[in-house]
Amino acid sequence: MVPTGDKSITKRGKKMATGITNLAERAKRQLAEVTGFSPVAAVGGFKDEEGWHISVDMLEMARLPEATDIIGTYEVLLDQGGNMVKFEKKRARLRGEPYEEG
């Protein structure tokens, strides 16, 4: 059952977040609450048996020029309800550096 205007599904009386866009927004908001940093962008996401893994870039330190801002990339684990159960910092870089897997 999908309520009108609501992006959640009810399963066994519990609301479950649906849609990668909604999950990415929830991950950014919850991570900002915990870290105090400002979210820049969701940069990846996938689902496995643990839940939803969303990668989020966070502005850790604003500097001038902006190309020297410190950006941290975090992996956030969300449960089926879209609640953060774990987060981990994966890397830090300058905003002006190209994004590389590593």
PDB file of N, CA and C in Angstrom:
ATOM      1  N   MET A   1       0.847  -1.177   0.000  1.00  0.00           N
ATOM      2  CA  MET A   1       0.000   0.000   0.000  1.00  0.00           C
ATOM      3  C   MET A   1       0.893   1.240   0.000  1.00  0.00           C
ATOM      4  N   VAL A   2       0.710   2.122  -0.974  1.00  0.00           N
ATOM      5  CA  VAL A   2       1.484   3.358  -1.046  1.00  0.00           C
ATOM      6  C   VAL A   2       0.535   4.527  -0.846  1.00  0.00           C
ATOM      7  N   PRO A   3       0.632   5.243   0.291  1.00  0.00           N
ATOM      8  CA  PRO A   3      -0.234   6.387   0.530  1.00  0.00           C
ATOM      9  C   PRO A   3       0.035   7.501  -0.478  1.00  0.00           C
ATOM     10  N   THR A   4      -1.009   8.221  -0.851  1.00  0.00           N
ATOM     11  CA  THR A   4      -0.871   9.335  -1.782  1.00  0.00           C
ATOM     12  C   THR A   4       0.024  10.403  -1.179  1.00  0.00           C
ATOM     13  N   GLY A   5       1.004  10.860  -1.975  1.00  0.00           N
ATOM     14  CA  GLY A   5       1.907  11.910  -1.512  1.00  0.00           C
ATOM     15  C   GLY A   5       2.973  11.441  -0.546  1.00  0.00           C
ATOM     16  N   ASP A   6       2.995  10.156  -0.222  1.00  0.00           N
ATOM     17  CA  ASP A   6       3.977   9.618   0.708  1.00  0.00           C
ATOM     18  C   ASP A   6       4.834   8.612  -0.041  1.00  0.00           C
ATOM     19  N   LYS A   7       6.131   8.693   0.121  1.00  0.00           N
ATOM     20  CA  LYS A   7       7.060   7.804  -0.574  1.00  0.00           C
ATOM     21  C   LYS A   7       7.437   6.630   0.320  1.00  0.00           C
ATOM     22  N   SER A   8       6.494   6.099   1.063  1.00  0.00           N
ATOM     23  CA  SER A   8       6.792   4.972   1.930  1.00  0.00           C
ATOM     24  C   SER A   8       5.761   3.874   1.728  1.00  0.00           C
ATOM     25  N   ILE A   9       6.155   2.677   2.076  1.00  0.00           N
ATOM     26  CA  ILE A   9       5.289   1.523   1.964  1.00  0.00           C
ATOM     27  C   ILE A   9       5.105   0.972   3.374  1.00  0.00           C
ATOM     28  N   THR A  10       3.893   0.537   3.685  1.00  0.00           N
ATOM     29  CA  THR A  10       3.645  -0.056   4.986  1.00  0.00           C
ATOM     30  C   THR A  10       3.785  -1.562   4.861  1.00  0.00           C
ATOM     31  N   LYS A  11       4.636  -2.145   5.706  1.00  0.00           N
ATOM     32  CA  LYS A  11       4.833  -3.586   5.728  1.00  0.00           C
ATOM     33  C   LYS A  11       4.808  -4.027   7.177  1.00  0.00           C
ATOM     34  N   ARG A  12       3.855  -4.865   7.514  1.00  0.00           N
ATOM     35  CA  ARG A  12       3.701  -5.354   8.892  1.00  0.00           C
ATOM     36  C   ARG A  12       3.632  -4.213   9.891  1.00  0.00           C
ATOM     37  N   GLY A  13       2.942  -3.143   9.524  1.00  0.00           N
ATOM     38  CA  GLY A  13       2.740  -2.033  10.429  1.00  0.00           C
ATOM     39  C   GLY A  13       3.887  -1.055  10.513  1.00  0.00           C
ATOM     40  N   LYS A  14       4.989  -1.290   9.767  1.00  0.00           N
ATOM     41  CA  LYS A  14       6.142  -0.396   9.796  1.00  0.00           C
ATOM     42  C   LYS A  14       6.274   0.294   8.451  1.00  0.00           C
ATOM     43  N   LYS A  15       6.616   1.576   8.485  1.00  0.00           N
ATOM     44  CA  LYS A  15       6.863   2.301   7.241  1.00  0.00           C
ATOM     45  C   LYS A  15       8.252   1.975   6.740  1.00  0.00           C
ATOM     46  N   MET A  16       8.361   1.753   5.448  1.00  0.00           N
ATOM     47  CA  MET A  16       9.648   1.472   4.821  1.00  0.00           C
ATOM     48  C   MET A  16       9.924   2.557   3.799  1.00  0.00           C
ATOM     49  N   ALA A  17      11.083   3.151   3.851  1.00  0.00           N
ATOM     50  CA  ALA A  17      11.468   4.161   2.871  1.00  0.00           C
ATOM     51  C   ALA A  17      11.655   3.488   1.517  1.00  0.00           C
ATOM     52  N   THR A  18      11.253   4.171   0.458  1.00  0.00           N
ATOM     53  CA  THR A  18      11.423   3.628  -0.878  1.00  0.00           C
ATOM     54  C   THR A  18      12.005   4.686  -1.783  1.00  0.00           C
ATOM     55  N   GLY A  19      12.650   4.238  -2.830  1.00  0.00           N
ATOM     56  CA  GLY A  19      13.205   5.164  -3.807  1.00  0.00           C
ATOM     57  C   GLY A  19      14.579   5.647  -3.395  1.00  0.00           C
ATOM     58  N   ILE A  20      15.532   5.496  -4.290  1.00  0.00           N
ATOM     59  CA  ILE A  20      16.911   5.877  -3.986  1.00  0.00           C
ATOM     60  C   ILE A  20      17.038   7.369  -3.693  1.00  0.00           C
ATOM     61  N   THR A  21      16.237   8.200  -4.346  1.00  0.00           N
ATOM     62  CA  THR A  21      16.303   9.642  -4.092  1.00  0.00           C
ATOM     63  C   THR A  21      15.900   9.955  -2.655  1.00  0.00           C
ATOM     64  N   ASN A  22      14.809   9.373  -2.205  1.00  0.00           N
ATOM     65  CA  ASN A  22      14.344   9.572  -0.832  1.00  0.00           C
ATOM     66  C   ASN A  22      15.379   9.057   0.169  1.00  0.00           C
ATOM     67  N   LEU A  23      15.952   7.890  -0.109  1.00  0.00           N
ATOM     68  CA  LEU A  23      16.952   7.319   0.787  1.00  0.00           C
ATOM     69  C   LEU A  23      18.207   8.184   0.851  1.00  0.00           C
ATOM     70  N   ALA A  24      18.634   8.708  -0.290  1.00  0.00           N
ATOM     71  CA  ALA A  24      19.822   9.573  -0.318  1.00  0.00           C
ATOM     72  C   ALA A  24      19.576  10.836   0.500  1.00  0.00           C
ATOM     73  N   GLU A  25      18.398  11.421   0.377  1.00  0.00           N
ATOM     74  CA  GLU A  25      18.073  12.620   1.161  1.00  0.00           C
ATOM     75  C   GLU A  25      18.053  12.316   2.651  1.00  0.00           C
ATOM     76  N   ARG A  26      17.500  11.165   3.014  1.00  0.00           N
ATOM     77  CA  ARG A  26      17.472  10.775   4.432  1.00  0.00           C
ATOM     78  C   ARG A  26      18.890  10.576   4.959  1.00  0.00           C
ATOM     79  N   ALA A  27      19.744   9.920   4.162  1.00  0.00           N
ATOM     80  CA  ALA A  27      21.127   9.689   4.577  1.00  0.00           C
ATOM     81  C   ALA A  27      21.853  11.009   4.778  1.00  0.00           C
ATOM     82  N   LYS A  28      21.692  11.952   3.847  1.00  0.00           N
ATOM     83  CA  LYS A  28      22.353  13.259   3.975  1.00  0.00           C
ATOM     84  C   LYS A  28      21.882  13.987   5.222  1.00  0.00           C
ATOM     85  N   ARG A  29      20.585  13.997   5.453  1.00  0.00           N
ATOM     86  CA  ARG A  29      20.021  14.713   6.606  1.00  0.00           C
ATOM     87  C   ARG A  29      20.488  14.096   7.926  1.00  0.00           C
ATOM     88  N   GLN A  30      20.423  12.777   8.030  1.00  0.00           N
ATOM     89  CA  GLN A  30      20.812  12.116   9.276  1.00  0.00           C
ATOM     90  C   GLN A  30      22.312  12.242   9.545  1.00  0.00           C
ATOM     91  N   LEU A  31      23.126  12.143   8.491  1.00  0.00           N
ATOM     92  CA  LEU A  31      24.568  12.285   8.657  1.00  0.00           C
ATOM     93  C   LEU A  31      24.921  13.703   9.096  1.00  0.00           C
ATOM     94  N   ALA A  32      24.237  14.705   8.542  1.00  0.00           N
ATOM     95  CA  ALA A  32      24.462  16.101   8.940  1.00  0.00           C
ATOM     96  C   ALA A  32      24.130  16.298  10.418  1.00  0.00           C
ATOM     97  N   GLU A  33      23.054  15.672  10.891  1.00  0.00           N
ATOM     98  CA  GLU A  33      22.669  15.789  12.299  1.00  0.00           C
ATOM     99  C   GLU A  33      23.743  15.216  13.215  1.00  0.00           C
ATOM    100  N   VAL A  34      24.346  14.113  12.821  1.00  0.00           N
ATOM    101  CA  VAL A  34      25.336  13.437  13.663  1.00  0.00           C
ATOM    102  C   VAL A  34      26.700  14.129  13.607  1.00  0.00           C
ATOM    103  N   THR A  35      27.131  14.529  12.414  1.00  0.00           N
ATOM    104  CA  THR A  35      28.483  15.078  12.260  1.00  0.00           C
ATOM    105  C   THR A  35      28.566  16.585  12.425  1.00  0.00           C
ATOM    106  N   GLY A  36      27.472  17.279  12.156  1.00  0.00           N
ATOM    107  CA  GLY A  36      27.493  18.738  12.173  1.00  0.00           C
ATOM    108  C   GLY A  36      28.024  19.335  10.880  1.00  0.00           C
ATOM    109  N   PHE A  37      28.365  18.497   9.893  1.00  0.00           N
ATOM    110  CA  PHE A  37      28.848  18.968   8.602  1.00  0.00           C
ATOM    111  C   PHE A  37      27.684  19.159   7.637  1.00  0.00           C
ATOM    112  N   SER A  38      27.916  19.957   6.597  1.00  0.00           N
ATOM    113  CA  SER A  38      26.893  20.206   5.581  1.00  0.00           C
ATOM    114  C   SER A  38      27.024  19.205   4.440  1.00  0.00           C
ATOM    115  N   PRO A  39      25.906  18.574   4.041  1.00  0.00           N
ATOM    116  CA  PRO A  39      25.978  17.651   2.921  1.00  0.00           C
ATOM    117  C   PRO A  39      26.214  18.387   1.604  1.00  0.00           C
ATOM    118  N   VAL A  40      27.057  17.810   0.759  1.00  0.00           N
ATOM    119  CA  VAL A  40      27.326  18.354  -0.566  1.00  0.00           C
ATOM    120  C   VAL A  40      26.506  17.591  -1.589  1.00  0.00           C
ATOM    121  N   ALA A  41      26.621  16.251  -1.585  1.00  0.00           N
ATOM    122  CA  ALA A  41      25.898  15.432  -2.559  1.00  0.00           C
ATOM    123  C   ALA A  41      25.944  13.965  -2.154  1.00  0.00           C
ATOM    124  N   ALA A  42      24.918  13.228  -2.561  1.00  0.00           N
ATOM    125  CA  ALA A  42      24.967  11.773  -2.504  1.00  0.00           C
ATOM    126  C   ALA A  42      25.703  11.333  -3.764  1.00  0.00           C
ATOM    127  N   VAL A  43      26.721  10.511  -3.609  1.00  0.00           N
ATOM    128  CA  VAL A  43      27.565  10.157  -4.747  1.00  0.00           C
ATOM    129  C   VAL A  43      27.495   8.679  -5.110  1.00  0.00           C
ATOM    130  N   GLY A  44      26.683   7.905  -4.395  1.00  0.00           N
ATOM    131  CA  GLY A  44      26.529   6.498  -4.737  1.00  0.00           C
ATOM    132  C   GLY A  44      25.585   5.812  -3.785  1.00  0.00           C
ATOM    133  N   GLY A  45      25.131   4.636  -4.199  1.00  0.00           N
ATOM    134  CA  GLY A  45      24.250   3.873  -3.336  1.00  0.00           C
ATOM    135  C   GLY A  45      23.960   2.498  -3.905  1.00  0.00           C
ATOM    136  N   PHE A  46      23.764   1.547  -2.999  1.00  0.00           N
ATOM    137  CA  PHE A  46      23.365   0.201  -3.391  1.00  0.00           C
ATOM    138  C   PHE A  46      22.711  -0.488  -2.200  1.00  0.00           C
ATOM    139  N   LYS A  47      22.012  -1.578  -2.486  1.00  0.00           N
ATOM    140  CA  LYS A  47      21.342  -2.347  -1.439  1.00  0.00           C
ATOM    141  C   LYS A  47      21.924  -3.749  -1.414  1.00  0.00           C
ATOM    142  N   ASP A  48      22.137  -4.255  -0.196  1.00  0.00           N
ATOM    143  CA  ASP A  48      22.521  -5.645  -0.018  1.00  0.00           C
ATOM    144  C   ASP A  48      21.760  -6.202   1.182  1.00  0.00           C
ATOM    145  N   GLU A  49      22.206  -7.349   1.701  1.00  0.00           N
ATOM    146  CA  GLU A  49      21.484  -7.992   2.804  1.00  0.00           C
ATOM    147  C   GLU A  49      21.518  -7.171   4.096  1.00  0.00           C
ATOM    148  N   GLU A  50      22.495  -6.254   4.238  1.00  0.00           N
ATOM    149  CA  GLU A  50      22.568  -5.400   5.431  1.00  0.00           C
ATOM    150  C   GLU A  50      21.575  -4.250   5.381  1.00  0.00           C
ATOM    151  N   GLY A  51      21.278  -3.769   4.191  1.00  0.00           N
ATOM    152  CA  GLY A  51      20.404  -2.609   4.010  1.00  0.00           C
ATOM    153  C   GLY A  51      20.902  -1.757   2.864  1.00  0.00           C
ATOM    154  N   TRP A  52      20.600  -0.469   2.936  1.00  0.00           N
ATOM    155  CA  TRP A  52      21.009   0.480   1.894  1.00  0.00           C
ATOM    156  C   TRP A  52      22.316   1.157   2.289  1.00  0.00           C
ATOM    157  N   HIS A  53      23.295   1.133   1.393  1.00  0.00           N
ATOM    158  CA  HIS A  53      24.585   1.798   1.578  1.00  0.00           C
ATOM    159  C   HIS A  53      24.576   3.033   0.682  1.00  0.00           C
ATOM    160  N   ILE A  54      24.638   4.207   1.294  1.00  0.00           N
ATOM    161  CA  ILE A  54      24.616   5.460   0.557  1.00  0.00           C
ATOM    162  C   ILE A  54      25.924   6.194   0.828  1.00  0.00           C
ATOM    163  N   SER A  55      26.637   6.570  -0.241  1.00  0.00           N
ATOM    164  CA  SER A  55      27.865   7.358  -0.105  1.00  0.00           C
ATOM    165  C   SER A  55      27.515   8.831  -0.222  1.00  0.00           C
ATOM    166  N   VAL A  56      28.001   9.617   0.739  1.00  0.00           N
ATOM    167  CA  VAL A  56      27.661  11.038   0.814  1.00  0.00           C
ATOM    168  C   VAL A  56      28.931  11.860   0.969  1.00  0.00           C
ATOM    169  N   ASP A  57      29.059  12.911   0.152  1.00  0.00           N
ATOM    170  CA  ASP A  57      30.131  13.892   0.325  1.00  0.00           C
ATOM    171  C   ASP A  57      29.645  14.972   1.280  1.00  0.00           C
ATOM    172  N   MET A  58      30.483  15.280   2.289  1.00  0.00           N
ATOM    173  CA  MET A  58      30.154  16.288   3.292  1.00  0.00           C
ATOM    174  C   MET A  58      31.225  17.374   3.290  1.00  0.00           C
ATOM    175  N   LEU A  59      30.789  18.618   3.440  1.00  0.00           N
ATOM    176  CA  LEU A  59      31.714  19.747   3.553  1.00  0.00           C
ATOM    177  C   LEU A  59      32.217  19.787   4.989  1.00  0.00           C
ATOM    178  N   GLU A  60      33.480  19.408   5.182  1.00  0.00           N
ATOM    179  CA  GLU A  60      34.057  19.370   6.526  1.00  0.00           C
ATOM    180  C   GLU A  60      34.710  20.679   6.913  1.00  0.00           C
ATOM    181  N   MET A  61      35.251  21.400   5.922  1.00  0.00           N
ATOM    182  CA  MET A  61      35.877  22.687   6.209  1.00  0.00           C
ATOM    183  C   MET A  61      35.781  23.561   4.966  1.00  0.00           C
ATOM    184  N   ALA A  62      35.115  24.708   5.110  1.00  0.00           N
ATOM    185  CA  ALA A  62      35.010  25.669   4.007  1.00  0.00           C
ATOM    186  C   ALA A  62      36.239  26.574   4.037  1.00  0.00           C
ATOM    187  N   ARG A  63      36.851  26.740   2.865  1.00  0.00           N
ATOM    188  CA  ARG A  63      38.040  27.588   2.767  1.00  0.00           C
ATOM    189  C   ARG A  63      37.952  28.419   1.491  1.00  0.00           C
ATOM    190  N   LEU A  64      38.804  29.426   1.414  1.00  0.00           N
ATOM    191  CA  LEU A  64      38.905  30.246   0.205  1.00  0.00           C
ATOM    192  C   LEU A  64      40.263  30.004  -0.424  1.00  0.00           C
ATOM    193  N   PRO A  65      40.301  29.767  -1.703  1.00  0.00           N
ATOM    194  CA  PRO A  65      39.178  29.608  -2.620  1.00  0.00           C
ATOM    195  C   PRO A  65      38.444  28.284  -2.371  1.00  0.00           C
ATOM    196  N   GLU A  66      37.211  28.174  -2.888  1.00  0.00           N
ATOM    197  CA  GLU A  66      36.381  26.995  -2.653  1.00  0.00           C
ATOM    198  C   GLU A  66      37.044  25.701  -3.106  1.00  0.00           C
ATOM    199  N   ALA A  67      37.924  25.784  -4.077  1.00  0.00           N
ATOM    200  CA  ALA A  67      38.614  24.580  -4.567  1.00  0.00           C
ATOM    201  C   ALA A  67      39.437  23.926  -3.469  1.00  0.00           C
ATOM    202  N   THR A  68      39.716  24.658  -2.385  1.00  0.00           N
ATOM    203  CA  THR A  68      40.503  24.099  -1.274  1.00  0.00           C
ATOM    204  C   THR A  68      39.627  23.650  -0.102  1.00  0.00           C
ATOM    205  N   ASP A  69      38.282  23.687  -0.267  1.00  0.00           N
ATOM    206  CA  ASP A  69      37.383  23.138   0.752  1.00  0.00           C
ATOM    207  C   ASP A  69      37.757  21.687   1.014  1.00  0.00           C
ATOM    208  N   ILE A  70      37.597  21.236   2.259  1.00  0.00           N
ATOM    209  CA  ILE A  70      37.827  19.835   2.604  1.00  0.00           C
ATOM    210  C   ILE A  70      36.499  19.096   2.508  1.00  0.00           C
ATOM    211  N   ILE A  71      36.464  18.088   1.650  1.00  0.00           N
ATOM    212  CA  ILE A  71      35.267  17.271   1.435  1.00  0.00           C
ATOM    213  C   ILE A  71      35.556  15.868   1.959  1.00  0.00           C
ATOM    214  N   GLY A  72      34.694  15.373   2.839  1.00  0.00           N
ATOM    215  CA  GLY A  72      34.801  14.003   3.340  1.00  0.00           C
ATOM    216  C   GLY A  72      33.741  13.143   2.687  1.00  0.00           C
ATOM    217  N   THR A  73      34.121  11.945   2.296  1.00  0.00           N
ATOM    218  CA  THR A  73      33.160  10.994   1.736  1.00  0.00           C
ATOM    219  C   THR A  73      32.853   9.947   2.795  1.00  0.00           C
ATOM    220  N   TYR A  74      31.575   9.781   3.080  1.00  0.00           N
ATOM    221  CA  TYR A  74      31.107   8.868   4.115  1.00  0.00           C
ATOM    222  C   TYR A  74      30.194   7.821   3.503  1.00  0.00           C
ATOM    223  N   GLU A  75      30.240   6.608   4.057  1.00  0.00           N
ATOM    224  CA  GLU A  75      29.270   5.591   3.701  1.00  0.00           C
ATOM    225  C   GLU A  75      28.285   5.478   4.852  1.00  0.00           C
ATOM    226  N   VAL A  76      27.011   5.601   4.518  1.00  0.00           N
ATOM    227  CA  VAL A  76      25.934   5.523   5.504  1.00  0.00           C
ATOM    228  C   VAL A  76      25.149   4.249   5.241  1.00  0.00           C
ATOM    229  N   LEU A  77      24.889   3.477   6.289  1.00  0.00           N
ATOM    230  CA  LEU A  77      24.053   2.289   6.180  1.00  0.00           C
ATOM    231  C   LEU A  77      22.679   2.616   6.745  1.00  0.00           C
ATOM    232  N   LEU A  78      21.655   2.449   5.906  1.00  0.00           N
ATOM    233  CA  LEU A  78      20.269   2.673   6.315  1.00  0.00           C
ATOM    234  C   LEU A  78      19.549   1.340   6.407  1.00  0.00           C
ATOM    235  N   ASP A  79      18.676   1.209   7.423  1.00  0.00           N
ATOM    236  CA  ASP A  79      17.851   0.010   7.517  1.00  0.00           C
ATOM    237  C   ASP A  79      16.666   0.121   6.563  1.00  0.00           C
ATOM    238  N   GLN A  80      15.790  -0.862   6.584  1.00  0.00           N
ATOM    239  CA  GLN A  80      14.652  -0.879   5.660  1.00  0.00           C
ATOM    240  C   GLN A  80      13.708   0.305   5.868  1.00  0.00           C
ATOM    241  N   GLY A  81      13.715   0.889   7.058  1.00  0.00           N
ATOM    242  CA  GLY A  81      12.882   2.047   7.341  1.00  0.00           C
ATOM    243  C   GLY A  81      13.536   3.363   6.964  1.00  0.00           C
ATOM    244  N   GLY A  82      14.769   3.311   6.457  1.00  0.00           N
ATOM    245  CA  GLY A  82      15.483   4.526   6.080  1.00  0.00           C
ATOM    246  C   GLY A  82      16.186   5.195   7.241  1.00  0.00           C
ATOM    247  N   ASN A  83      16.380   4.464   8.340  1.00  0.00           N
ATOM    248  CA  ASN A  83      17.055   5.010   9.521  1.00  0.00           C
ATOM    249  C   ASN A  83      18.528   4.634   9.501  1.00  0.00           C
ATOM    250  N   MET A  84      19.389   5.590   9.821  1.00  0.00           N
ATOM    251  CA  MET A  84      20.819   5.344   9.838  1.00  0.00           C
ATOM    252  C   MET A  84      21.173   4.415  10.989  1.00  0.00           C
ATOM    253  N   VAL A  85      21.884   3.345  10.669  1.00  0.00           N
ATOM    254  CA  VAL A  85      22.325   2.409  11.696  1.00  0.00           C
ATOM    255  C   VAL A  85      23.845   2.404  11.812  1.00  0.00           C
ATOM    256  N   LYS A  86      24.535   2.989  10.821  1.00  0.00           N
ATOM    257  CA  LYS A  86      25.989   3.012  10.848  1.00  0.00           C
ATOM    258  C   LYS A  86      26.473   4.049   9.840  1.00  0.00           C
ATOM    259  N   PHE A  87      27.610   4.694  10.156  1.00  0.00           N
ATOM    260  CA  PHE A  87      28.266   5.538   9.165  1.00  0.00           C
ATOM    261  C   PHE A  87      29.765   5.420   9.352  1.00  0.00           C
ATOM    262  N   GLU A  88      30.498   5.624   8.255  1.00  0.00           N
ATOM    263  CA  GLU A  88      31.949   5.492   8.293  1.00  0.00           C
ATOM    264  C   GLU A  88      32.561   6.451   7.285  1.00  0.00           C
ATOM    265  N   LYS A  89      33.585   7.187   7.727  1.00  0.00           N
ATOM    266  CA  LYS A  89      34.301   8.071   6.816  1.00  0.00           C
ATOM    267  C   LYS A  89      35.233   7.220   5.968  1.00  0.00           C
ATOM    268  N   LYS A  90      35.168   7.409   4.656  1.00  0.00           N
ATOM    269  CA  LYS A  90      35.975   6.620   3.728  1.00  0.00           C
ATOM    270  C   LYS A  90      37.206   7.360   3.239  1.00  0.00           C
ATOM    271  N   ARG A  91      37.086   8.685   3.059  1.00  0.00           N
ATOM    272  CA  ARG A  91      38.232   9.453   2.557  1.00  0.00           C
ATOM    273  C   ARG A  91      37.963  10.932   2.722  1.00  0.00           C
ATOM    274  N   ALA A  92      39.020  11.732   2.552  1.00  0.00           N
ATOM    275  CA  ALA A  92      38.907  13.189   2.529  1.00  0.00           C
ATOM    276  C   ALA A  92      39.730  13.683   1.341  1.00  0.00           C
ATOM    277  N   ARG A  93      39.281  14.786   0.769  1.00  0.00           N
ATOM    278  CA  ARG A  93      39.969  15.351  -0.391  1.00  0.00           C
ATOM    279  C   ARG A  93      39.677  16.836  -0.462  1.00  0.00           C
ATOM    280  N   LEU A  94      40.441  17.545  -1.273  1.00  0.00           N
ATOM    281  CA  LEU A  94      40.128  18.933  -1.575  1.00  0.00           C
ATOM    282  C   LEU A  94      39.035  18.955  -2.634  1.00  0.00           C
ATOM    283  N   ARG A  95      38.130  19.921  -2.542  1.00  0.00           N
ATOM    284  CA  ARG A  95      37.031  20.014  -3.499  1.00  0.00           C
ATOM    285  C   ARG A  95      37.547  20.049  -4.943  1.00  0.00           C
ATOM    286  N   GLY A  96      38.661  20.730  -5.165  1.00  0.00           N
ATOM    287  CA  GLY A  96      39.187  20.888  -6.514  1.00  0.00           C
ATOM    288  C   GLY A  96      39.855  19.650  -7.090  1.00  0.00           C
ATOM    289  N   GLU A  97      40.086  18.621  -6.264  1.00  0.00           N
ATOM    290  CA  GLU A  97      40.705  17.393  -6.753  1.00  0.00           C
ATOM    291  C   GLU A  97      39.659  16.524  -7.439  1.00  0.00           C
ATOM    292  N   PRO A  98      40.061  15.829  -8.500  1.00  0.00           N
ATOM    293  CA  PRO A  98      39.106  14.920  -9.142  1.00  0.00           C
ATOM    294  C   PRO A  98      38.748  13.782  -8.209  1.00  0.00           C
ATOM    295  N   TYR A  99      37.522  13.310  -8.324  1.00  0.00           N
ATOM    296  CA  TYR A  99      37.062  12.190  -7.497  1.00  0.00           C
ATOM    297  C   TYR A  99      37.605  10.903  -8.084  1.00  0.00           C
ATOM    298  N   GLU A 100      38.336  10.155  -7.273  1.00  0.00           N
ATOM    299  CA  GLU A 100      38.913   8.885  -7.722  1.00  0.00           C
ATOM    300  C   GLU A 100      38.574   7.820  -6.720  1.00  0.00           C
ATOM    301  N   GLU A 101      38.240   6.644  -7.208  1.00  0.00           N
ATOM    302  CA  GLU A 101      38.016   5.499  -6.323  1.00  0.00           C
ATOM    303  C   GLU A 101      39.355   5.078  -5.763  1.00  0.00           C
ATOM    304  N   GLY A 102      39.351   4.654  -4.519  1.00  0.00           N
ATOM    305  CA  GLY A 102      40.632   4.227  -3.959  1.00  0.00           C
ATOM    306  C   GLY A 102      40.520   3.744  -2.631  1.00  0.00           C
TER     307      GLY A 102
END
